[in-house]
Amino acid sequence: MLRFTTLRRTLQIIPTVVVVAMLIFVIFSVVPGTFAASLFADGKRAADPQMIARLNEEFGLNKPLMERFVTYVTDLAQFDLGTSFRTRQPVIDLINDRIWASLQLAIAAMVFALVVGVPLGFLAALRPGSVLDTVTMVGAVSGLSMPQFWLGLLMMYVFALQLNWLPSFGYGDGSFRNLILPAVTLGVTPLALLARTTRAGVLDVLNADFIRTAHSKGMSEAKVVRWHVARNALVLIVTTLGLQFGSLIGQAVVIEKLFAWPGIGSLLVDSVASRDIPVVQGTILIIVLWFLVINTAVDLIYAAIDPRIKQE
């Protein structure tokens, strides 16, 4: 049954990716401006209609929309994301060069959020109304309300400029020190959400009848938390964790640009600015695919956590 569910959920990704790819193509086909026209957008050079026409012909932008769409779908079916207008490199190569940096950032941010947010939420729920509970919830609301861009600038000012503890930006040699500031900045929002979700889930389980029954049987508080509270609250925590982890690469666009982190988020921003449509389309498609894969994995993890879901 689990193998069948895995196959079914995996196959469901395909039509979703196809629909998203079609939407991406249509949206960026009707957006004003082309790569050729963007070369003269800075005003330093006068627009050359002949050069623009020649580049549009080279990239196939002068062909009818339906013909370009058929070519796009055909290439996509062969796992060909096209060729960059700006660098003339295959889009898949550009993404491969950047994807590891984005994964490093997303994983580090999620580990930070998980290690700090879930224990805080648990402790706050076990002691509702306490100072720890109040501080945790105030911190969670602040973390959700605080703009990541502003937080990143604040972190750079304090830890890089004032204290000189960490590099302010850049990938460097890929060391852990370069990763700390962007990862913490990116991880604050999921940390706050995980803390609130964990607290709400644990409180809901603590008020359940079977918890009172476990206490009446003489089971210790530690065993109740370990065997009953943690497992039943885990489904809600895993849901939040999966949604946040799946969306982190998309959320990292601002952070990567702010910290000059060479991930696919900064590649996306640069490509949008230069109207490099094949790179924009390929990057967005990879981000969507990442989100779908993570959420499919979370659905499958449910079966291991809750036997009732496995039976369904």
C-alpha atoms as a PDB file:
ATOM      1  CA  MET A   1       0.000   0.000   0.000  1.00  0.00           C
ATOM      2  CA  LEU A   2       2.793   2.414   0.886  1.00  0.00           C
ATOM      3  CA  ARG A   3       4.569   1.688  -2.418  1.00  0.00           C
ATOM      4  CA  PHE A   4       1.340   2.311  -4.324  1.00  0.00           C
ATOM      5  CA  THR A   5       0.794   5.586  -2.450  1.00  0.00           C
ATOM      6  CA  THR A   6       4.371   6.652  -3.182  1.00  0.00           C
ATOM      7  CA  LEU A   7       3.947   5.933  -6.896  1.00  0.00           C
ATOM      8  CA  ARG A   8       0.566   7.674  -7.038  1.00  0.00           C
ATOM      9  CA  ARG A   9       1.798  10.803  -5.251  1.00  0.00           C
ATOM     10  CA  THR A  10       4.914  10.915  -7.438  1.00  0.00           C
ATOM     11  CA  LEU A  11       2.896  10.661 -10.638  1.00  0.00           C
ATOM     12  CA  GLN A  12       0.657  13.503  -9.453  1.00  0.00           C
ATOM     13  CA  ILE A  13       3.662  15.821  -9.657  1.00  0.00           C
ATOM     14  CA  ILE A  14       3.845  15.470 -13.458  1.00  0.00           C
ATOM     15  CA  PRO A  15       0.549  17.180 -14.451  1.00  0.00           C
ATOM     16  CA  THR A  16       1.175  19.911 -11.878  1.00  0.00           C
ATOM     17  CA  VAL A  17       4.599  20.647 -13.365  1.00  0.00           C
ATOM     18  CA  VAL A  18       3.115  20.676 -16.875  1.00  0.00           C
ATOM     19  CA  VAL A  19       0.414  23.190 -15.900  1.00  0.00           C
ATOM     20  CA  VAL A  20       2.944  25.396 -14.091  1.00  0.00           C
ATOM     21  CA  ALA A  21       5.299  25.276 -17.086  1.00  0.00           C
ATOM     22  CA  MET A  22       2.460  26.351 -19.385  1.00  0.00           C
ATOM     23  CA  LEU A  23       1.526  29.245 -17.095  1.00  0.00           C
ATOM     24  CA  ILE A  24       5.141  30.380 -16.839  1.00  0.00           C
ATOM     25  CA  PHE A  25       5.508  30.372 -20.606  1.00  0.00           C
ATOM     26  CA  VAL A  26       2.289  32.298 -21.214  1.00  0.00           C
ATOM     27  CA  ILE A  27       3.022  34.901 -18.520  1.00  0.00           C
ATOM     28  CA  PHE A  28       6.536  35.667 -19.728  1.00  0.00           C
ATOM     29  CA  SER A  29       5.443  35.663 -23.367  1.00  0.00           C
ATOM     30  CA  VAL A  30       2.986  38.517 -22.809  1.00  0.00           C
ATOM     31  CA  VAL A  31       5.163  40.568 -20.428  1.00  0.00           C
ATOM     32  CA  PRO A  32       6.384  43.727 -22.225  1.00  0.00           C
ATOM     33  CA  GLY A  33      10.061  43.970 -23.107  1.00  0.00           C
ATOM     34  CA  THR A  34      12.603  41.545 -24.559  1.00  0.00           C
ATOM     35  CA  PHE A  35      16.219  40.679 -23.882  1.00  0.00           C
ATOM     36  CA  ALA A  36      17.336  42.595 -26.974  1.00  0.00           C
ATOM     37  CA  ALA A  37      15.448  45.720 -25.914  1.00  0.00           C
ATOM     38  CA  SER A  38      16.851  45.482 -22.364  1.00  0.00           C
ATOM     39  CA  LEU A  39      20.373  45.920 -23.751  1.00  0.00           C
ATOM     40  CA  PHE A  40      19.513  49.544 -24.496  1.00  0.00           C
ATOM     41  CA  ALA A  41      17.334  50.144 -21.431  1.00  0.00           C
ATOM     42  CA  ASP A  42      20.108  51.928 -19.501  1.00  0.00           C
ATOM     43  CA  GLY A  43      19.934  54.879 -21.892  1.00  0.00           C
ATOM     44  CA  LYS A  44      23.691  54.882 -22.503  1.00  0.00           C
ATOM     45  CA  ARG A  45      23.242  53.672 -26.052  1.00  0.00           C
ATOM     46  CA  ALA A  46      20.617  54.527 -28.626  1.00  0.00           C
ATOM     47  CA  ALA A  47      18.350  51.632 -29.496  1.00  0.00           C
ATOM     48  CA  ASP A  48      19.395  49.886 -32.704  1.00  0.00           C
ATOM     49  CA  PRO A  49      16.267  48.420 -34.392  1.00  0.00           C
ATOM     50  CA  GLN A  50      18.346  46.245 -36.695  1.00  0.00           C
ATOM     51  CA  MET A  51      20.277  44.696 -33.805  1.00  0.00           C
ATOM     52  CA  ILE A  52      17.073  44.154 -31.856  1.00  0.00           C
ATOM     53  CA  ALA A  53      15.450  42.464 -34.853  1.00  0.00           C
ATOM     54  CA  ARG A  54      18.538  40.294 -35.433  1.00  0.00           C
ATOM     55  CA  LEU A  55      18.651  39.154 -31.788  1.00  0.00           C
ATOM     56  CA  ASN A  56      14.914  38.470 -31.722  1.00  0.00           C
ATOM     57  CA  GLU A  57      15.350  36.328 -34.817  1.00  0.00           C
ATOM     58  CA  GLU A  58      18.337  34.516 -33.302  1.00  0.00           C
ATOM     59  CA  PHE A  59      16.393  33.660 -30.145  1.00  0.00           C
ATOM     60  CA  GLY A  60      13.212  32.801 -32.040  1.00  0.00           C
ATOM     61  CA  LEU A  61      11.239  35.624 -30.421  1.00  0.00           C
ATOM     62  CA  ASN A  62       9.859  36.759 -33.776  1.00  0.00           C
ATOM     63  CA  LYS A  63       8.060  33.451 -34.317  1.00  0.00           C
ATOM     64  CA  PRO A  64       4.332  33.028 -33.606  1.00  0.00           C
ATOM     65  CA  LEU A  65       3.409  32.347 -29.982  1.00  0.00           C
ATOM     66  CA  MET A  66       2.018  28.879 -30.667  1.00  0.00           C
ATOM     67  CA  GLU A  67       5.156  27.798 -32.537  1.00  0.00           C
ATOM     68  CA  ARG A  68       7.343  28.974 -29.649  1.00  0.00           C
ATOM     69  CA  PHE A  69       5.076  27.164 -27.213  1.00  0.00           C
ATOM     70  CA  VAL A  70       5.359  23.866 -29.098  1.00  0.00           C
ATOM     71  CA  THR A  71       9.149  24.221 -29.184  1.00  0.00           C
ATOM     72  CA  TYR A  72       9.202  25.001 -25.451  1.00  0.00           C
ATOM     73  CA  VAL A  73       7.049  21.988 -24.524  1.00  0.00           C
ATOM     74  CA  THR A  74       9.032  19.674 -26.817  1.00  0.00           C
ATOM     75  CA  ASP A  75      12.338  20.759 -25.290  1.00  0.00           C
ATOM     76  CA  LEU A  76      10.906  20.494 -21.790  1.00  0.00           C
ATOM     77  CA  ALA A  77       9.757  16.921 -22.454  1.00  0.00           C
ATOM     78  CA  GLN A  78      13.414  16.136 -23.230  1.00  0.00           C
ATOM     79  CA  PHE A  79      14.533  17.830 -19.968  1.00  0.00           C
ATOM     80  CA  ASP A  80      15.967  20.723 -21.964  1.00  0.00           C
ATOM     81  CA  LEU A  81      15.326  24.054 -20.226  1.00  0.00           C
ATOM     82  CA  GLY A  82      16.726  26.054 -23.115  1.00  0.00           C
ATOM     83  CA  THR A  83      19.742  28.308 -23.554  1.00  0.00           C
ATOM     84  CA  SER A  84      20.436  31.551 -21.754  1.00  0.00           C
ATOM     85  CA  PHE A  85      20.100  34.664 -23.918  1.00  0.00           C
ATOM     86  CA  ARG A  86      22.780  36.443 -21.911  1.00  0.00           C
ATOM     87  CA  THR A  87      25.538  33.826 -21.505  1.00  0.00           C
ATOM     88  CA  ARG A  88      24.610  31.385 -24.319  1.00  0.00           C
ATOM     89  CA  GLN A  89      24.971  28.544 -21.794  1.00  0.00           C
ATOM     90  CA  PRO A  90      22.394  25.796 -21.237  1.00  0.00           C
ATOM     91  CA  VAL A  91      19.987  26.865 -18.494  1.00  0.00           C
ATOM     92  CA  ILE A  92      20.365  23.531 -16.712  1.00  0.00           C
ATOM     93  CA  ASP A  93      24.129  24.164 -16.389  1.00  0.00           C
ATOM     94  CA  LEU A  94      23.548  27.608 -14.873  1.00  0.00           C
ATOM     95  CA  ILE A  95      21.105  26.119 -12.365  1.00  0.00           C
ATOM     96  CA  ASN A  96      23.453  23.243 -11.526  1.00  0.00           C
ATOM     97  CA  ASP A  97      26.188  25.755 -10.735  1.00  0.00           C
ATOM     98  CA  ARG A  98      23.898  27.559  -8.271  1.00  0.00           C
ATOM     99  CA  ILE A  99      21.575  24.939  -6.806  1.00  0.00           C
ATOM    100  CA  TRP A 100      23.992  23.626  -4.173  1.00  0.00           C
ATOM    101  CA  ALA A 101      24.444  27.084  -2.655  1.00  0.00           C
ATOM    102  CA  SER A 102      20.656  27.474  -2.416  1.00  0.00           C
ATOM    103  CA  LEU A 103      20.260  24.020  -0.864  1.00  0.00           C
ATOM    104  CA  GLN A 104      22.969  24.810   1.681  1.00  0.00           C
ATOM    105  CA  LEU A 105      21.170  27.984   2.677  1.00  0.00           C
ATOM    106  CA  ALA A 106      17.706  26.387   2.830  1.00  0.00           C
ATOM    107  CA  ILE A 107      18.882  23.348   4.839  1.00  0.00           C
ATOM    108  CA  ALA A 108      20.880  25.476   7.295  1.00  0.00           C
ATOM    109  CA  ALA A 109      17.933  27.843   7.792  1.00  0.00           C
ATOM    110  CA  MET A 110      15.529  24.939   8.333  1.00  0.00           C
ATOM    111  CA  VAL A 111      17.846  23.183  10.796  1.00  0.00           C
ATOM    112  CA  PHE A 112      18.155  26.424  12.771  1.00  0.00           C
ATOM    113  CA  ALA A 113      14.363  26.877  12.787  1.00  0.00           C
ATOM    114  CA  LEU A 114      13.754  23.249  13.765  1.00  0.00           C
ATOM    115  CA  VAL A 115      16.354  23.025  16.531  1.00  0.00           C
ATOM    116  CA  VAL A 116      15.231  26.277  18.170  1.00  0.00           C
ATOM    117  CA  GLY A 117      11.545  26.629  17.263  1.00  0.00           C
ATOM    118  CA  VAL A 118      10.166  23.175  18.101  1.00  0.00           C
ATOM    119  CA  PRO A 119      11.727  22.881  21.605  1.00  0.00           C
ATOM    120  CA  LEU A 120      10.589  26.431  22.444  1.00  0.00           C
ATOM    121  CA  GLY A 121       7.063  25.606  21.336  1.00  0.00           C
ATOM    122  CA  PHE A 122       7.036  22.398  23.398  1.00  0.00           C
ATOM    123  CA  LEU A 123       8.332  24.101  26.539  1.00  0.00           C
ATOM    124  CA  ALA A 124       5.898  27.001  26.146  1.00  0.00           C
ATOM    125  CA  ALA A 125       2.960  24.588  25.801  1.00  0.00           C
ATOM    126  CA  LEU A 126       3.999  22.541  28.838  1.00  0.00           C
ATOM    127  CA  ARG A 127       4.106  25.731  30.940  1.00  0.00           C
ATOM    128  CA  PRO A 128       1.242  27.886  29.577  1.00  0.00           C
ATOM    129  CA  GLY A 129       1.096  31.385  31.019  1.00  0.00           C
ATOM    130  CA  SER A 130       4.686  31.244  32.270  1.00  0.00           C
ATOM    131  CA  VAL A 131       7.379  33.807  31.515  1.00  0.00           C
ATOM    132  CA  LEU A 132       8.882  31.408  28.945  1.00  0.00           C
ATOM    133  CA  ASP A 133       5.503  31.043  27.235  1.00  0.00           C
ATOM    134  CA  THR A 134       4.996  34.805  27.076  1.00  0.00           C
ATOM    135  CA  VAL A 135       8.508  35.515  25.811  1.00  0.00           C
ATOM    136  CA  THR A 136       8.260  32.726  23.216  1.00  0.00           C
ATOM    137  CA  MET A 137       4.961  33.951  21.812  1.00  0.00           C
ATOM    138  CA  VAL A 138       6.073  37.595  21.737  1.00  0.00           C
ATOM    139  CA  GLY A 139       9.250  36.515  19.959  1.00  0.00           C
ATOM    140  CA  ALA A 140       7.236  34.382  17.507  1.00  0.00           C
ATOM    141  CA  VAL A 141       4.920  37.267  16.613  1.00  0.00           C
ATOM    142  CA  SER A 142       7.929  39.564  16.212  1.00  0.00           C
ATOM    143  CA  GLY A 143       9.687  37.023  13.992  1.00  0.00           C
ATOM    144  CA  LEU A 144       6.641  36.677  11.749  1.00  0.00           C
ATOM    145  CA  SER A 145       6.155  40.449  11.535  1.00  0.00           C
ATOM    146  CA  MET A 146       9.756  41.459  10.933  1.00  0.00           C
ATOM    147  CA  PRO A 147      10.719  42.017   7.255  1.00  0.00           C
ATOM    148  CA  GLN A 148      13.580  39.693   6.299  1.00  0.00           C
ATOM    149  CA  PHE A 149      15.342  42.425   4.362  1.00  0.00           C
ATOM    150  CA  TRP A 150      15.411  44.716   7.408  1.00  0.00           C
ATOM    151  CA  LEU A 151      16.486  41.877   9.695  1.00  0.00           C
ATOM    152  CA  GLY A 152      19.320  40.976   7.318  1.00  0.00           C
ATOM    153  CA  LEU A 153      20.612  44.537   7.294  1.00  0.00           C
ATOM    154  CA  LEU A 154      20.425  44.632  11.103  1.00  0.00           C
ATOM    155  CA  MET A 155      22.347  41.346  11.383  1.00  0.00           C
ATOM    156  CA  MET A 156      25.018  42.621   8.999  1.00  0.00           C
ATOM    157  CA  TYR A 157      25.370  45.873  10.933  1.00  0.00           C
ATOM    158  CA  VAL A 158      25.654  44.222  14.369  1.00  0.00           C
ATOM    159  CA  PHE A 159      27.632  41.035  13.722  1.00  0.00           C
ATOM    160  CA  ALA A 160      29.710  42.078  10.711  1.00  0.00           C
ATOM    161  CA  LEU A 161      30.322  45.814  11.030  1.00  0.00           C
ATOM    162  CA  GLN A 162      30.148  46.447  14.785  1.00  0.00           C
ATOM    163  CA  LEU A 163      31.373  43.171  16.327  1.00  0.00           C
ATOM    164  CA  ASN A 164      33.332  41.973  13.275  1.00  0.00           C
ATOM    165  CA  TRP A 165      32.500  38.363  14.122  1.00  0.00           C
ATOM    166  CA  LEU A 166      31.182  37.194  10.759  1.00  0.00           C
ATOM    167  CA  PRO A 167      31.515  38.058   7.053  1.00  0.00           C
ATOM    168  CA  SER A 168      28.879  40.541   5.962  1.00  0.00           C
ATOM    169  CA  PHE A 169      28.175  38.974   2.561  1.00  0.00           C
ATOM    170  CA  GLY A 170      29.444  36.589  -0.095  1.00  0.00           C
ATOM    171  CA  TYR A 171      29.906  32.858  -0.434  1.00  0.00           C
ATOM    172  CA  GLY A 172      33.687  32.908   0.124  1.00  0.00           C
ATOM    173  CA  ASP A 173      35.033  29.379   0.163  1.00  0.00           C
ATOM    174  CA  GLY A 174      31.662  27.989   1.235  1.00  0.00           C
ATOM    175  CA  SER A 175      32.672  27.877   4.899  1.00  0.00           C
ATOM    176  CA  PHE A 176      30.190  27.765   7.766  1.00  0.00           C
ATOM    177  CA  ARG A 177      31.031  31.328   8.845  1.00  0.00           C
ATOM    178  CA  ASN A 178      29.752  32.724   5.543  1.00  0.00           C
ATOM    179  CA  LEU A 179      26.543  30.744   5.933  1.00  0.00           C
ATOM    180  CA  ILE A 180      25.533  31.851   9.443  1.00  0.00           C
ATOM    181  CA  LEU A 181      24.106  35.329   8.809  1.00  0.00           C
ATOM    182  CA  PRO A 182      21.987  34.502   5.713  1.00  0.00           C
ATOM    183  CA  ALA A 183      20.805  31.204   7.246  1.00  0.00           C
ATOM    184  CA  VAL A 184      19.725  32.796  10.527  1.00  0.00           C
ATOM    185  CA  THR A 185      18.012  35.662   8.689  1.00  0.00           C
ATOM    186  CA  LEU A 186      16.143  33.238   6.441  1.00  0.00           C
ATOM    187  CA  GLY A 187      15.340  30.870   9.318  1.00  0.00           C
ATOM    188  CA  VAL A 188      13.701  33.392  11.674  1.00  0.00           C
ATOM    189  CA  THR A 189      10.283  33.289   9.962  1.00  0.00           C
ATOM    190  CA  PRO A 190       9.947  29.468   9.886  1.00  0.00           C
ATOM    191  CA  LEU A 191      11.339  29.370  13.442  1.00  0.00           C
ATOM    192  CA  ALA A 192       8.578  31.671  14.673  1.00  0.00           C
ATOM    193  CA  LEU A 193       5.918  29.730  12.771  1.00  0.00           C
ATOM    194  CA  LEU A 194       7.197  26.390  14.072  1.00  0.00           C
ATOM    195  CA  ALA A 195       7.202  27.674  17.646  1.00  0.00           C
ATOM    196  CA  ARG A 196       3.591  28.851  17.397  1.00  0.00           C
ATOM    197  CA  THR A 197       2.421  25.723  15.582  1.00  0.00           C
ATOM    198  CA  THR A 198       4.194  23.398  18.026  1.00  0.00           C
ATOM    199  CA  ARG A 199       2.714  25.216  21.006  1.00  0.00           C
ATOM    200  CA  ALA A 200      -0.800  25.074  19.532  1.00  0.00           C
ATOM    201  CA  GLY A 201      -0.471  21.398  18.584  1.00  0.00           C
ATOM    202  CA  VAL A 202       0.904  20.331  21.971  1.00  0.00           C
ATOM    203  CA  LEU A 203      -1.750  22.286  23.883  1.00  0.00           C
ATOM    204  CA  ASP A 204      -4.455  20.655  21.769  1.00  0.00           C
ATOM    205  CA  VAL A 205      -3.116  17.187  22.566  1.00  0.00           C
ATOM    206  CA  LEU A 206      -2.657  17.967  26.280  1.00  0.00           C
ATOM    207  CA  ASN A 207      -6.360  18.799  26.544  1.00  0.00           C
ATOM    208  CA  ALA A 208      -7.426  15.523  24.927  1.00  0.00           C
ATOM    209  CA  ASP A 209      -9.269  12.826  26.924  1.00  0.00           C
ATOM    210  CA  PHE A 210      -6.641  10.141  26.348  1.00  0.00           C
ATOM    211  CA  ILE A 211      -4.007  12.334  28.020  1.00  0.00           C
ATOM    212  CA  ARG A 212      -6.150  12.602  31.141  1.00  0.00           C
ATOM    213  CA  THR A 213      -6.645   8.841  31.018  1.00  0.00           C
ATOM    214  CA  ALA A 214      -2.878   8.308  30.817  1.00  0.00           C
ATOM    215  CA  HIS A 215      -2.365  10.551  33.866  1.00  0.00           C
ATOM    216  CA  SER A 216      -5.098   8.751  35.812  1.00  0.00           C
ATOM    217  CA  LYS A 217      -3.305   5.454  35.220  1.00  0.00           C
ATOM    218  CA  GLY A 218      -0.254   6.811  36.989  1.00  0.00           C
ATOM    219  CA  MET A 219       1.908   7.394  33.922  1.00  0.00           C
ATOM    220  CA  SER A 220       4.661   9.916  34.598  1.00  0.00           C
ATOM    221  CA  GLU A 221       4.715  13.329  32.921  1.00  0.00           C
ATOM    222  CA  ALA A 222       7.853  12.453  30.954  1.00  0.00           C
ATOM    223  CA  LYS A 223       6.288   9.269  29.530  1.00  0.00           C
ATOM    224  CA  VAL A 224       3.044  11.047  28.672  1.00  0.00           C
ATOM    225  CA  VAL A 225       4.959  13.698  26.758  1.00  0.00           C
ATOM    226  CA  ARG A 226       7.219  11.174  25.041  1.00  0.00           C
ATOM    227  CA  TRP A 227       4.690   8.507  24.051  1.00  0.00           C
ATOM    228  CA  HIS A 228       1.459  10.449  23.615  1.00  0.00           C
ATOM    229  CA  VAL A 229       1.941  14.198  23.276  1.00  0.00           C
ATOM    230  CA  ALA A 230       4.978  14.251  20.999  1.00  0.00           C
ATOM    231  CA  ARG A 231       3.707  11.699  18.503  1.00  0.00           C
ATOM    232  CA  ASN A 232       0.197  13.132  18.215  1.00  0.00           C
ATOM    233  CA  ALA A 233       1.455  16.693  17.839  1.00  0.00           C
ATOM    234  CA  LEU A 234       4.036  15.620  15.284  1.00  0.00           C
ATOM    235  CA  VAL A 235       1.625  15.561  12.334  1.00  0.00           C
ATOM    236  CA  LEU A 236       0.918  19.291  12.656  1.00  0.00           C
ATOM    237  CA  ILE A 237       4.618  20.031  13.172  1.00  0.00           C
ATOM    238  CA  VAL A 238       5.637  17.991  10.118  1.00  0.00           C
ATOM    239  CA  THR A 239       3.003  19.780   8.023  1.00  0.00           C
ATOM    240  CA  THR A 240       4.383  23.183   8.966  1.00  0.00           C
ATOM    241  CA  LEU A 241       7.954  21.964   8.560  1.00  0.00           C
ATOM    242  CA  GLY A 242       7.273  20.602   5.081  1.00  0.00           C
ATOM    243  CA  LEU A 243       5.469  23.713   3.854  1.00  0.00           C
ATOM    244  CA  GLN A 244       8.182  26.009   5.156  1.00  0.00           C
ATOM    245  CA  PHE A 245      11.055  23.871   3.886  1.00  0.00           C
ATOM    246  CA  GLY A 246       9.418  23.579   0.482  1.00  0.00           C
ATOM    247  CA  SER A 247       9.028  27.334   0.151  1.00  0.00           C
ATOM    248  CA  LEU A 248      12.423  28.340   1.571  1.00  0.00           C
ATOM    249  CA  ILE A 249      14.250  28.382  -1.772  1.00  0.00           C
ATOM    250  CA  GLY A 250      11.607  30.744  -3.117  1.00  0.00           C
ATOM    251  CA  GLN A 251      11.757  32.868   0.036  1.00  0.00           C
ATOM    252  CA  ALA A 252      15.552  33.026  -0.213  1.00  0.00           C
ATOM    253  CA  VAL A 253      15.453  35.273  -3.292  1.00  0.00           C
ATOM    254  CA  VAL A 254      15.684  38.458  -1.209  1.00  0.00           C
ATOM    255  CA  ILE A 255      18.216  36.995   1.237  1.00  0.00           C
ATOM    256  CA  GLU A 256      20.492  35.709  -1.522  1.00  0.00           C
ATOM    257  CA  LYS A 257      20.514  39.092  -3.216  1.00  0.00           C
ATOM    258  CA  LEU A 258      21.075  40.943   0.059  1.00  0.00           C
ATOM    259  CA  PHE A 259      23.995  38.756   1.159  1.00  0.00           C
ATOM    260  CA  ALA A 260      25.396  38.266  -2.376  1.00  0.00           C
ATOM    261  CA  TRP A 261      24.770  34.535  -2.002  1.00  0.00           C
ATOM    262  CA  PRO A 262      25.279  32.768  -5.366  1.00  0.00           C
ATOM    263  CA  GLY A 263      22.103  30.670  -5.349  1.00  0.00           C
ATOM    264  CA  ILE A 264      19.298  30.285  -7.859  1.00  0.00           C
ATOM    265  CA  GLY A 265      17.376  33.081  -6.136  1.00  0.00           C
ATOM    266  CA  SER A 266      19.964  35.673  -7.081  1.00  0.00           C
ATOM    267  CA  LEU A 267      20.177  34.056 -10.533  1.00  0.00           C
ATOM    268  CA  LEU A 268      16.425  34.581 -10.881  1.00  0.00           C
ATOM    269  CA  VAL A 269      16.628  38.260  -9.909  1.00  0.00           C
ATOM    270  CA  ASP A 270      19.490  38.938 -12.327  1.00  0.00           C
ATOM    271  CA  SER A 271      17.692  37.100 -15.126  1.00  0.00           C
ATOM    272  CA  VAL A 272      14.454  39.021 -14.598  1.00  0.00           C
ATOM    273  CA  ALA A 273      16.359  42.305 -14.734  1.00  0.00           C
ATOM    274  CA  SER A 274      17.993  41.356 -18.042  1.00  0.00           C
ATOM    275  CA  ARG A 275      14.843  39.725 -19.518  1.00  0.00           C
ATOM    276  CA  ASP A 276      16.705  36.416 -19.846  1.00  0.00           C
ATOM    277  CA  ILE A 277      13.427  34.522 -20.174  1.00  0.00           C
ATOM    278  CA  PRO A 278      14.748  30.930 -20.559  1.00  0.00           C
ATOM    279  CA  VAL A 279      16.675  31.253 -17.279  1.00  0.00           C
ATOM    280  CA  VAL A 280      13.674  32.835 -15.530  1.00  0.00           C
ATOM    281  CA  GLN A 281      11.370  30.062 -16.731  1.00  0.00           C
ATOM    282  CA  GLY A 282      13.814  27.303 -15.808  1.00  0.00           C
ATOM    283  CA  THR A 283      14.575  28.724 -12.369  1.00  0.00           C
ATOM    284  CA  ILE A 284      10.915  29.168 -11.434  1.00  0.00           C
ATOM    285  CA  LEU A 285      10.169  25.664 -12.664  1.00  0.00           C
ATOM    286  CA  ILE A 286      12.933  24.215 -10.463  1.00  0.00           C
ATOM    287  CA  ILE A 287      11.644  26.137  -7.420  1.00  0.00           C
ATOM    288  CA  VAL A 288       8.107  24.839  -8.013  1.00  0.00           C
ATOM    289  CA  LEU A 289       9.404  21.294  -8.520  1.00  0.00           C
ATOM    290  CA  TRP A 290      11.345  21.525  -5.240  1.00  0.00           C
ATOM    291  CA  PHE A 291       8.168  22.597  -3.421  1.00  0.00           C
ATOM    292  CA  LEU A 292       6.144  19.731  -4.920  1.00  0.00           C
ATOM    293  CA  VAL A 293       8.785  17.103  -4.094  1.00  0.00           C
ATOM    294  CA  ILE A 294       9.084  18.262  -0.477  1.00  0.00           C
ATOM    295  CA  ASN A 295       5.320  18.252   0.029  1.00  0.00           C
ATOM    296  CA  THR A 296       5.017  14.798  -1.532  1.00  0.00           C
ATOM    297  CA  ALA A 297       7.700  13.543   0.856  1.00  0.00           C
ATOM    298  CA  VAL A 298       5.796  15.072   3.790  1.00  0.00           C
ATOM    299  CA  ASP A 299       2.599  13.285   2.740  1.00  0.00           C
ATOM    300  CA  LEU A 300       4.479   9.993   2.733  1.00  0.00           C
ATOM    301  CA  ILE A 301       6.020  10.689   6.147  1.00  0.00           C
ATOM    302  CA  TYR A 302       2.504  11.020   7.569  1.00  0.00           C
ATOM    303  CA  ALA A 303       1.990   7.286   7.072  1.00  0.00           C
ATOM    304  CA  ALA A 304       4.947   6.522   9.330  1.00  0.00           C
ATOM    305  CA  ILE A 305       3.697   8.906  12.023  1.00  0.00           C
ATOM    306  CA  ASP A 306      -0.037   8.181  12.076  1.00  0.00           C
ATOM    307  CA  PRO A 307      -1.275   4.627  11.358  1.00  0.00           C
ATOM    308  CA  ARG A 308      -4.734   5.987  10.529  1.00  0.00           C
ATOM    309  CA  ILE A 309      -3.320   7.838   7.528  1.00  0.00           C
ATOM    310  CA  LYS A 310      -1.528   4.665   6.423  1.00  0.00           C
ATOM    311  CA  GLN A 311      -4.832   2.776   6.416  1.00  0.00           C
ATOM    312  CA  GLU A 312      -6.460   5.453   4.260  1.00  0.00           C
END
